[in-house]
Amino acid sequence: MKPETAAKLLHQKVDVDVTGCAQHYCLHCARYFVDLRSMKEHFKTKVHKRQLKKLREEPYTQAEAERAAGMGSYIQPKKVEVKTQDVEEDMA
């Protein structure tokens, strides 16, 4: 994800129609939370950890699809470093 997009999602304006007024958002799972405490608890769950594991693998490309179909040598996908986002305590 581009840093500009991530910054926009993390610093959204208050929206009363969204859970938690759109102030507590998990970038990796694309979920809103009611408060900071529930978001921190979410970071410890299996659901969040599984999503981080999925995001570590580089997305498939057309070249990789062609290699898998027998049009070249197989190259193992690269791993991407993904960490849980930083939480700003003064968001409330």
C-alpha atoms as a PDB file:
ATOM      1  CA  MET A   1       0.000   0.000   0.000  1.00  0.00           C
ATOM      2  CA  LYS A   2       1.252   3.447  -0.819  1.00  0.00           C
ATOM      3  CA  PRO A   3       2.209   5.605   2.185  1.00  0.00           C
ATOM      4  CA  GLU A   4      -0.121   8.402   1.035  1.00  0.00           C
ATOM      5  CA  THR A   5      -3.091   6.020   0.943  1.00  0.00           C
ATOM      6  CA  ALA A   6      -2.212   4.576   4.344  1.00  0.00           C
ATOM      7  CA  ALA A   7      -1.947   8.057   5.841  1.00  0.00           C
ATOM      8  CA  LYS A   8      -5.367   8.996   4.435  1.00  0.00           C
ATOM      9  CA  LEU A   9      -6.955   5.884   5.951  1.00  0.00           C
ATOM     10  CA  LEU A  10      -5.323   6.372   9.334  1.00  0.00           C
ATOM     11  CA  HIS A  11      -6.186  10.077   9.599  1.00  0.00           C
ATOM     12  CA  GLN A  12      -9.787  10.199   8.417  1.00  0.00           C
ATOM     13  CA  LYS A  13     -12.247  12.906   9.318  1.00  0.00           C
ATOM     14  CA  VAL A  14     -14.882  12.083  11.917  1.00  0.00           C
ATOM     15  CA  ASP A  15     -17.754  10.219  10.251  1.00  0.00           C
ATOM     16  CA  VAL A  16     -20.647   9.296  12.527  1.00  0.00           C
ATOM     17  CA  ASP A  17     -21.964   6.718  10.020  1.00  0.00           C
ATOM     18  CA  VAL A  18     -18.889   4.510  10.400  1.00  0.00           C
ATOM     19  CA  THR A  19     -17.986   2.374  13.408  1.00  0.00           C
ATOM     20  CA  GLY A  20     -15.888   4.335  15.907  1.00  0.00           C
ATOM     21  CA  CYS A  21     -16.441   7.522  13.891  1.00  0.00           C
ATOM     22  CA  ALA A  22     -13.762   6.279  11.440  1.00  0.00           C
ATOM     23  CA  GLN A  23     -10.966   7.000  13.914  1.00  0.00           C
ATOM     24  CA  HIS A  24      -9.716   3.443  14.601  1.00  0.00           C
ATOM     25  CA  TYR A  25      -8.874   1.563  11.393  1.00  0.00           C
ATOM     26  CA  CYS A  26      -6.761  -1.554  10.771  1.00  0.00           C
ATOM     27  CA  LEU A  27      -4.921  -1.151   7.463  1.00  0.00           C
ATOM     28  CA  HIS A  28      -4.181  -4.835   7.007  1.00  0.00           C
ATOM     29  CA  CYS A  29      -7.698  -6.166   7.668  1.00  0.00           C
ATOM     30  CA  ALA A  30      -9.641  -3.139   6.363  1.00  0.00           C
ATOM     31  CA  ARG A  31     -11.775  -2.958   9.521  1.00  0.00           C
ATOM     32  CA  TYR A  32     -13.007  -0.124  11.723  1.00  0.00           C
ATOM     33  CA  PHE A  33     -13.108  -0.454  15.515  1.00  0.00           C
ATOM     34  CA  VAL A  34     -15.187   1.216  18.195  1.00  0.00           C
ATOM     35  CA  ASP A  35     -12.230   2.344  20.285  1.00  0.00           C
ATOM     36  CA  LEU A  36      -8.458   2.100  20.621  1.00  0.00           C
ATOM     37  CA  ARG A  37      -8.664  -0.724  23.150  1.00  0.00           C
ATOM     38  CA  SER A  38     -10.643  -2.997  20.807  1.00  0.00           C
ATOM     39  CA  MET A  39      -8.224  -2.246  17.973  1.00  0.00           C
ATOM     40  CA  LYS A  40      -5.245  -3.209  20.152  1.00  0.00           C
ATOM     41  CA  GLU A  41      -7.035  -6.429  21.114  1.00  0.00           C
ATOM     42  CA  HIS A  42      -7.636  -7.121  17.421  1.00  0.00           C
ATOM     43  CA  PHE A  43      -3.886  -6.879  16.750  1.00  0.00           C
ATOM     44  CA  LYS A  44      -3.405  -9.903  19.052  1.00  0.00           C
ATOM     45  CA  THR A  45      -6.037 -12.112  17.357  1.00  0.00           C
ATOM     46  CA  LYS A  46      -5.553 -14.993  14.948  1.00  0.00           C
ATOM     47  CA  VAL A  47      -7.569 -13.199  12.272  1.00  0.00           C
ATOM     48  CA  HIS A  48      -5.129 -10.270  12.191  1.00  0.00           C
ATOM     49  CA  LYS A  49      -2.069 -12.511  12.325  1.00  0.00           C
ATOM     50  CA  ARG A  50      -3.371 -14.644   9.446  1.00  0.00           C
ATOM     51  CA  GLN A  51      -3.952 -11.536   7.366  1.00  0.00           C
ATOM     52  CA  LEU A  52      -0.384 -10.352   8.038  1.00  0.00           C
ATOM     53  CA  LYS A  53       0.901 -13.760   6.937  1.00  0.00           C
ATOM     54  CA  LYS A  54      -1.092 -13.534   3.681  1.00  0.00           C
ATOM     55  CA  LEU A  55       0.280 -10.062   2.988  1.00  0.00           C
ATOM     56  CA  ARG A  56       3.887 -11.199   3.410  1.00  0.00           C
ATOM     57  CA  GLU A  57       3.862 -13.053   0.080  1.00  0.00           C
ATOM     58  CA  GLU A  58       4.390 -10.937  -3.005  1.00  0.00           C
ATOM     59  CA  PRO A  59       1.299 -10.818  -5.283  1.00  0.00           C
ATOM     60  CA  TYR A  60       1.299 -13.003  -8.390  1.00  0.00           C
ATOM     61  CA  THR A  61       2.368 -11.479 -11.694  1.00  0.00           C
ATOM     62  CA  GLN A  62       1.672 -12.453 -15.291  1.00  0.00           C
ATOM     63  CA  ALA A  63       5.275 -13.619 -15.672  1.00  0.00           C
ATOM     64  CA  GLU A  64       4.872 -15.951 -12.689  1.00  0.00           C
ATOM     65  CA  ALA A  65       1.650 -17.365 -14.168  1.00  0.00           C
ATOM     66  CA  GLU A  66       3.452 -18.097 -17.441  1.00  0.00           C
ATOM     67  CA  ARG A  67       6.305 -19.828 -15.605  1.00  0.00           C
ATOM     68  CA  ALA A  68       3.786 -21.981 -13.724  1.00  0.00           C
ATOM     69  CA  ALA A  69       2.205 -22.962 -17.060  1.00  0.00           C
ATOM     70  CA  GLY A  70       5.535 -24.308 -18.299  1.00  0.00           C
ATOM     71  CA  MET A  71       6.771 -21.239 -20.160  1.00  0.00           C
ATOM     72  CA  GLY A  72       9.927 -20.746 -18.108  1.00  0.00           C
ATOM     73  CA  SER A  73      11.783 -21.699 -14.953  1.00  0.00           C
ATOM     74  CA  TYR A  74      10.057 -21.520 -11.589  1.00  0.00           C
ATOM     75  CA  ILE A  75      11.219 -18.717  -9.313  1.00  0.00           C
ATOM     76  CA  GLN A  76      10.042 -18.835  -5.727  1.00  0.00           C
ATOM     77  CA  PRO A  77       7.927 -15.792  -4.703  1.00  0.00           C
ATOM     78  CA  LYS A  78       9.654 -13.142  -2.632  1.00  0.00           C
ATOM     79  CA  LYS A  79       8.662 -12.381   0.926  1.00  0.00           C
ATOM     80  CA  VAL A  80       7.618  -8.843   1.858  1.00  0.00           C
ATOM     81  CA  GLU A  81       8.161  -7.432   5.349  1.00  0.00           C
ATOM     82  CA  VAL A  82       4.787  -6.601   6.930  1.00  0.00           C
ATOM     83  CA  LYS A  83       4.415  -5.299  10.482  1.00  0.00           C
ATOM     84  CA  THR A  84       1.394  -4.306  12.500  1.00  0.00           C
ATOM     85  CA  GLN A  85       0.717  -0.599  12.194  1.00  0.00           C
ATOM     86  CA  ASP A  86       1.779   1.810  14.925  1.00  0.00           C
ATOM     87  CA  VAL A  87      -0.967   2.991  17.229  1.00  0.00           C
ATOM     88  CA  GLU A  88      -1.173   6.640  18.173  1.00  0.00           C
ATOM     89  CA  GLU A  89      -2.284   6.872  21.803  1.00  0.00           C
ATOM     90  CA  ASP A  90      -3.577  10.437  21.522  1.00  0.00           C
ATOM     91  CA  MET A  91      -6.170   9.572  18.858  1.00  0.00           C
ATOM     92  CA  ALA A  92      -9.103   9.696  21.279  1.00  0.00           C
END
